[in-house]
C-alpha atoms as a PDB file:
ATOM      1  CA  MET A   1     -12.763   2.252  -5.669  1.00  0.00           C
ATOM      2  CA  ILE A   2     -11.605   5.851  -5.377  1.00  0.00           C
ATOM      3  CA  GLN A   3     -13.764   8.480  -7.044  1.00  0.00           C
ATOM      4  CA  SER A   4     -12.038  10.379  -9.840  1.00  0.00           C
ATOM      5  CA  SER A   5     -12.699  13.823  -8.349  1.00  0.00           C
ATOM      6  CA  GLY A   6      -9.592  13.939  -6.194  1.00  0.00           C
ATOM      7  CA  SER A   7     -10.554  11.865  -3.197  1.00  0.00           C
ATOM      8  CA  VAL A   8      -8.410  11.284  -0.111  1.00  0.00           C
ATOM      9  CA  THR A   9      -8.149   7.919   1.637  1.00  0.00           C
ATOM     10  CA  LEU A  10      -6.239   7.260   4.876  1.00  0.00           C
ATOM     11  CA  VAL A  11      -5.221   3.665   5.572  1.00  0.00           C
ATOM     12  CA  LEU A  12      -4.165   3.045   9.166  1.00  0.00           C
ATOM     13  CA  GLY A  13      -2.857  -0.056  10.884  1.00  0.00           C
ATOM     14  CA  GLY A  14      -0.151  -1.526  13.024  1.00  0.00           C
ATOM     15  CA  ALA A  15       3.205  -2.804  11.849  1.00  0.00           C
ATOM     16  CA  ARG A  16       2.797  -5.675   9.372  1.00  0.00           C
ATOM     17  CA  SER A  17      -0.994  -5.354   9.471  1.00  0.00           C
ATOM     18  CA  GLY A  18      -1.359  -5.372   5.676  1.00  0.00           C
ATOM     19  CA  LYS A  19      -2.089  -1.654   5.397  1.00  0.00           C
ATOM     20  CA  SER A  20       0.373  -0.999   2.540  1.00  0.00           C
ATOM     21  CA  ARG A  21      -0.869  -3.962   0.532  1.00  0.00           C
ATOM     22  CA  HIS A  22      -4.451  -2.811   1.006  1.00  0.00           C
ATOM     23  CA  ALA A  23      -3.561   0.751  -0.006  1.00  0.00           C
ATOM     24  CA  GLU A  24      -1.868  -0.553  -3.168  1.00  0.00           C
ATOM     25  CA  THR A  25      -5.035  -2.484  -4.040  1.00  0.00           C
ATOM     26  CA  ILE A  26      -7.170   0.642  -3.592  1.00  0.00           C
ATOM     27  CA  CYS A  27      -4.861   2.542  -5.940  1.00  0.00           C
ATOM     28  CA  ARG A  28      -4.830  -0.168  -8.619  1.00  0.00           C
ATOM     29  CA  GLU A  29      -8.637  -0.350  -8.562  1.00  0.00           C
ATOM     30  CA  ALA A  30      -8.879   3.416  -9.036  1.00  0.00           C
ATOM     31  CA  GLY A  31      -7.120   3.373 -12.400  1.00  0.00           C
ATOM     32  CA  GLY A  32      -5.012   6.284 -13.527  1.00  0.00           C
ATOM     33  CA  ALA A  33      -1.291   6.965 -13.376  1.00  0.00           C
ATOM     34  CA  LEU A  34       0.105   5.134 -10.331  1.00  0.00           C
ATOM     35  CA  ILE A  35       2.643   7.144  -8.338  1.00  0.00           C
ATOM     36  CA  TYR A  36       4.260   5.673  -5.242  1.00  0.00           C
ATOM     37  CA  VAL A  37       5.660   8.282  -2.861  1.00  0.00           C
ATOM     38  CA  ALA A  38       8.095   6.503  -0.557  1.00  0.00           C
ATOM     39  CA  THR A  39       9.197   8.329   2.589  1.00  0.00           C
ATOM     40  CA  ALA A  40      11.707   5.875   4.087  1.00  0.00           C
ATOM     41  CA  GLU A  41      15.342   6.789   4.562  1.00  0.00           C
ATOM     42  CA  ALA A  42      18.016   4.095   4.622  1.00  0.00           C
ATOM     43  CA  ARG A  43      19.564   4.622   8.042  1.00  0.00           C
ATOM     44  CA  ASP A  44      20.988   1.084   8.358  1.00  0.00           C
ATOM     45  CA  ASP A  45      21.757  -1.986   6.252  1.00  0.00           C
ATOM     46  CA  GLU A  46      18.461  -3.716   7.007  1.00  0.00           C
ATOM     47  CA  MET A  47      16.490  -0.662   5.860  1.00  0.00           C
ATOM     48  CA  LYS A  48      18.675  -0.384   2.731  1.00  0.00           C
ATOM     49  CA  ALA A  49      17.736  -3.971   1.846  1.00  0.00           C
ATOM     50  CA  ARG A  50      14.023  -3.305   2.465  1.00  0.00           C
ATOM     51  CA  ILE A  51      14.090  -0.216   0.260  1.00  0.00           C
ATOM     52  CA  ALA A  52      15.878  -2.101  -2.529  1.00  0.00           C
ATOM     53  CA  GLN A  53      13.255  -4.870  -2.406  1.00  0.00           C
ATOM     54  CA  HIS A  54      10.398  -2.367  -2.467  1.00  0.00           C
ATOM     55  CA  ARG A  55      11.937  -0.548  -5.449  1.00  0.00           C
ATOM     56  CA  SER A  56      12.142  -3.802  -7.353  1.00  0.00           C
ATOM     57  CA  ASP A  57       8.581  -4.835  -6.448  1.00  0.00           C
ATOM     58  CA  ARG A  58       7.084  -1.486  -7.427  1.00  0.00           C
ATOM     59  CA  ALA A  59       8.911  -1.307 -10.758  1.00  0.00           C
ATOM     60  CA  ALA A  60       7.511  -4.712 -11.691  1.00  0.00           C
ATOM     61  CA  ASP A  61       3.979  -3.571 -10.811  1.00  0.00           C
ATOM     62  CA  GLY A  62       3.962  -0.442 -12.996  1.00  0.00           C
ATOM     63  CA  TRP A  63       4.384   2.220 -10.333  1.00  0.00           C
ATOM     64  CA  ARG A  64       6.365   5.409 -10.892  1.00  0.00           C
ATOM     65  CA  THR A  65       8.252   5.895  -7.644  1.00  0.00           C
ATOM     66  CA  ILE A  66       9.203   9.182  -6.042  1.00  0.00           C
ATOM     67  CA  GLU A  67      11.410   8.888  -2.987  1.00  0.00           C
ATOM     68  CA  GLU A  68      10.858  11.937  -0.803  1.00  0.00           C
ATOM     69  CA  PRO A  69      11.534  11.648   2.925  1.00  0.00           C
ATOM     70  CA  ARG A  70      10.553  15.205   3.892  1.00  0.00           C
ATOM     71  CA  ASP A  71       8.760  17.438   1.365  1.00  0.00           C
ATOM     72  CA  LEU A  72       5.455  15.609   0.939  1.00  0.00           C
ATOM     73  CA  ALA A  73       3.582  18.878   0.539  1.00  0.00           C
ATOM     74  CA  GLY A  74       5.742  19.786  -2.447  1.00  0.00           C
ATOM     75  CA  ILE A  75       5.245  16.366  -4.047  1.00  0.00           C
ATOM     76  CA  LEU A  76       1.468  16.509  -3.584  1.00  0.00           C
ATOM     77  CA  GLU A  77       1.324  20.017  -5.025  1.00  0.00           C
ATOM     78  CA  ALA A  78       3.279  18.888  -8.102  1.00  0.00           C
ATOM     79  CA  GLU A  79       1.947  15.378  -8.658  1.00  0.00           C
ATOM     80  CA  ALA A  80      -1.617  15.065  -7.268  1.00  0.00           C
ATOM     81  CA  THR A  81      -3.252  16.158 -10.510  1.00  0.00           C
ATOM     82  CA  PRO A  82      -6.380  14.889 -12.293  1.00  0.00           C
ATOM     83  CA  GLY A  83      -5.862  11.340 -13.521  1.00  0.00           C
ATOM     84  CA  SER A  84      -3.117  10.572 -11.004  1.00  0.00           C
ATOM     85  CA  VAL A  85      -3.327   8.171  -8.091  1.00  0.00           C
ATOM     86  CA  LEU A  86      -0.710   8.876  -5.423  1.00  0.00           C
ATOM     87  CA  LEU A  87       0.129   6.431  -2.673  1.00  0.00           C
ATOM     88  CA  VAL A  88       2.097   7.982   0.194  1.00  0.00           C
ATOM     89  CA  ASP A  89       3.782   5.257   2.222  1.00  0.00           C
ATOM     90  CA  CYS A  90       4.074   6.266   4.918  1.00  0.00           C
ATOM     91  CA  LEU A  91       3.198   9.275   7.038  1.00  0.00           C
ATOM     92  CA  THR A  92       4.755   7.668  10.111  1.00  0.00           C
ATOM     93  CA  LEU A  93       8.211   7.490   8.518  1.00  0.00           C
ATOM     94  CA  TRP A  94       7.732  11.017   7.136  1.00  0.00           C
ATOM     95  CA  LEU A  95       7.019  12.224  10.675  1.00  0.00           C
ATOM     96  CA  THR A  96      10.100  10.395  11.975  1.00  0.00           C
ATOM     97  CA  ASN A  97      12.221  12.125   9.341  1.00  0.00           C
ATOM     98  CA  GLN A  98      10.783  15.491  10.359  1.00  0.00           C
ATOM     99  CA  LEU A  99      11.488  14.863  14.050  1.00  0.00           C
ATOM    100  CA  LEU A 100      15.039  13.649  13.443  1.00  0.00           C
ATOM    101  CA  GLY A 101      15.649  16.618  11.141  1.00  0.00           C
ATOM    102  CA  ASP A 102      14.553  19.112  13.843  1.00  0.00           C
ATOM    103  CA  ALA A 103      11.766  20.444  11.624  1.00  0.00           C
ATOM    104  CA  ASP A 104       8.950  22.622  12.877  1.00  0.00           C
ATOM    105  CA  ILE A 105       6.489  19.716  13.134  1.00  0.00           C
ATOM    106  CA  ASP A 106       3.343  21.816  13.411  1.00  0.00           C
ATOM    107  CA  LEU A 107       4.334  23.863  10.361  1.00  0.00           C
ATOM    108  CA  GLU A 108       5.129  20.749   8.299  1.00  0.00           C
ATOM    109  CA  ILE A 109       1.825  19.110   9.275  1.00  0.00           C
ATOM    110  CA  ASP A 110      -0.008  22.317   8.328  1.00  0.00           C
ATOM    111  CA  ARG A 111       1.762  22.354   4.938  1.00  0.00           C
ATOM    112  CA  LEU A 112       0.927  18.697   4.362  1.00  0.00           C
ATOM    113  CA  CYS A 113      -2.739  19.144   5.280  1.00  0.00           C
ATOM    114  CA  ALA A 114      -3.032  22.152   2.968  1.00  0.00           C
ATOM    115  CA  ALA A 115      -1.530  20.159   0.102  1.00  0.00           C
ATOM    116  CA  VAL A 116      -3.828  17.185   0.773  1.00  0.00           C
ATOM    117  CA  SER A 117      -6.853  19.501   0.824  1.00  0.00           C
ATOM    118  CA  ALA A 118      -5.835  21.149  -2.442  1.00  0.00           C
ATOM    119  CA  SER A 119      -5.003  17.957  -4.336  1.00  0.00           C
ATOM    120  CA  SER A 120      -6.983  17.306  -7.510  1.00  0.00           C
ATOM    121  CA  GLY A 121      -5.738  13.737  -7.967  1.00  0.00           C
ATOM    122  CA  ASP A 122      -6.630  10.746  -5.843  1.00  0.00           C
ATOM    123  CA  VAL A 123      -4.403  10.441  -2.770  1.00  0.00           C
ATOM    124  CA  VAL A 124      -4.047   7.389  -0.540  1.00  0.00           C
ATOM    125  CA  LEU A 125      -1.995   7.917   2.600  1.00  0.00           C
ATOM    126  CA  VAL A 126      -0.685   5.102   4.795  1.00  0.00           C
ATOM    127  CA  ALA A 127       0.118   5.588   8.485  1.00  0.00           C
ATOM    128  CA  ASN A 128       0.757   3.494  11.550  1.00  0.00           C
ATOM    129  CA  GLU A 129      -1.797   3.666  14.316  1.00  0.00           C
ATOM    130  CA  VAL A 130       0.546   4.086  17.274  1.00  0.00           C
ATOM    131  CA  GLY A 131      -2.021   4.904  19.946  1.00  0.00           C
ATOM    132  CA  PHE A 132      -2.841   1.324  20.911  1.00  0.00           C
ATOM    133  CA  GLY A 133       0.408   0.762  22.832  1.00  0.00           C
ATOM    134  CA  ILE A 134       1.766   1.690  26.216  1.00  0.00           C
ATOM    135  CA  VAL A 135       2.975   5.169  27.146  1.00  0.00           C
ATOM    136  CA  PRO A 136       6.589   5.363  25.925  1.00  0.00           C
ATOM    137  CA  GLU A 137       9.279   5.731  28.567  1.00  0.00           C
ATOM    138  CA  ASN A 138      11.312   8.528  26.955  1.00  0.00           C
ATOM    139  CA  ARG A 139      10.590  12.091  25.875  1.00  0.00           C
ATOM    140  CA  LEU A 140      11.321  11.677  22.138  1.00  0.00           C
ATOM    141  CA  ALA A 141       9.147   8.558  21.893  1.00  0.00           C
ATOM    142  CA  ARG A 142       6.283  10.314  23.702  1.00  0.00           C
ATOM    143  CA  ALA A 143       6.617  13.352  21.431  1.00  0.00           C
ATOM    144  CA  PHE A 144       6.571  11.055  18.393  1.00  0.00           C
ATOM    145  CA  ARG A 145       3.465   9.223  19.629  1.00  0.00           C
ATOM    146  CA  ASP A 146       1.690  12.496  20.356  1.00  0.00           C
ATOM    147  CA  HIS A 147       2.576  14.050  16.984  1.00  0.00           C
ATOM    148  CA  ALA A 148       1.598  10.839  15.148  1.00  0.00           C
ATOM    149  CA  GLY A 149      -1.771  10.764  16.869  1.00  0.00           C
ATOM    150  CA  ARG A 150      -2.471  14.399  16.015  1.00  0.00           C
ATOM    151  CA  LEU A 151      -1.261  13.937  12.421  1.00  0.00           C
ATOM    152  CA  ASN A 152      -3.538  10.927  11.920  1.00  0.00           C
ATOM    153  CA  GLN A 153      -6.494  12.847  13.371  1.00  0.00           C
ATOM    154  CA  ARG A 154      -5.920  15.812  11.056  1.00  0.00           C
ATOM    155  CA  ILE A 155      -5.560  13.661   7.942  1.00  0.00           C
ATOM    156  CA  ALA A 156      -8.597  11.574   8.950  1.00  0.00           C
ATOM    157  CA  ALA A 157     -10.656  14.761   9.287  1.00  0.00           C
ATOM    158  CA  LEU A 158      -9.692  15.736   5.715  1.00  0.00           C
ATOM    159  CA  ALA A 159     -10.144  12.257   4.259  1.00  0.00           C
ATOM    160  CA  ASP A 160     -13.211  11.085   2.393  1.00  0.00           C
ATOM    161  CA  ARG A 161     -12.483   7.580   3.584  1.00  0.00           C
ATOM    162  CA  VAL A 162     -10.544   6.081   6.514  1.00  0.00           C
ATOM    163  CA  ILE A 163      -9.732   2.376   6.744  1.00  0.00           C
ATOM    164  CA  LEU A 164      -8.148   0.555   9.669  1.00  0.00           C
ATOM    165  CA  VAL A 165      -6.371  -2.661   8.666  1.00  0.00           C
ATOM    166  CA  VAL A 166      -6.159  -5.318  11.374  1.00  0.00           C
ATOM    167  CA  ALA A 167      -4.498  -8.684  10.666  1.00  0.00           C
ATOM    168  CA  GLY A 168      -4.888  -8.085   6.937  1.00  0.00           C
ATOM    169  CA  LEU A 169      -8.584  -7.270   7.215  1.00  0.00           C
ATOM    170  CA  PRO A 170      -9.804  -3.779   6.274  1.00  0.00           C
ATOM    171  CA  VAL A 171     -12.340  -2.152   8.575  1.00  0.00           C
ATOM    172  CA  GLU A 172     -14.132   0.917   7.191  1.00  0.00           C
ATOM    173  CA  VAL A 173     -13.961   3.685   9.789  1.00  0.00           C
ATOM    174  CA  LYS A 174     -15.183   6.622   7.689  1.00  0.00           C
ATOM    175  CA  GLY A 175     -16.852   6.822   4.291  1.00  0.00           C
ATOM    176  CA  ARG A 176     -18.721   4.262   2.228  1.00  0.00           C
END
């Protein structure tokens, strides 16, 4: 369970590892106003269908959803208040949006880390662990992998708790 003093939890895992489901469970157990911050953008029909399904699932489970593909720092500053439980799903898609939008990645990561550090509500952040794979063959993919690794390290350093989900099983990496 998350402590009510504004704790930060990072949930990492591979694709389809169960990390989002585990993060949702952590949030429900914490109590408080559940806010789901979704970062995905619908860039194709398959992603549009996924987003529609997620919207429907979350509405049925009592989440208030905020769809924000880029300004996570602004959302955290406004919404991570005492009594709130924010689930950010996911940092990896947020980073993708920043890269494809030609953002200043280091500046955006700095802004995000500052907002996470200043949050007074409970924050659970989900991210893909992309460092277990091979070295990507192209420049953009390598830049993405490098930025994702650094982002995960920075958020993990700020987090009270870090969990790695493997095959649906949570492994405590930091905290507890």
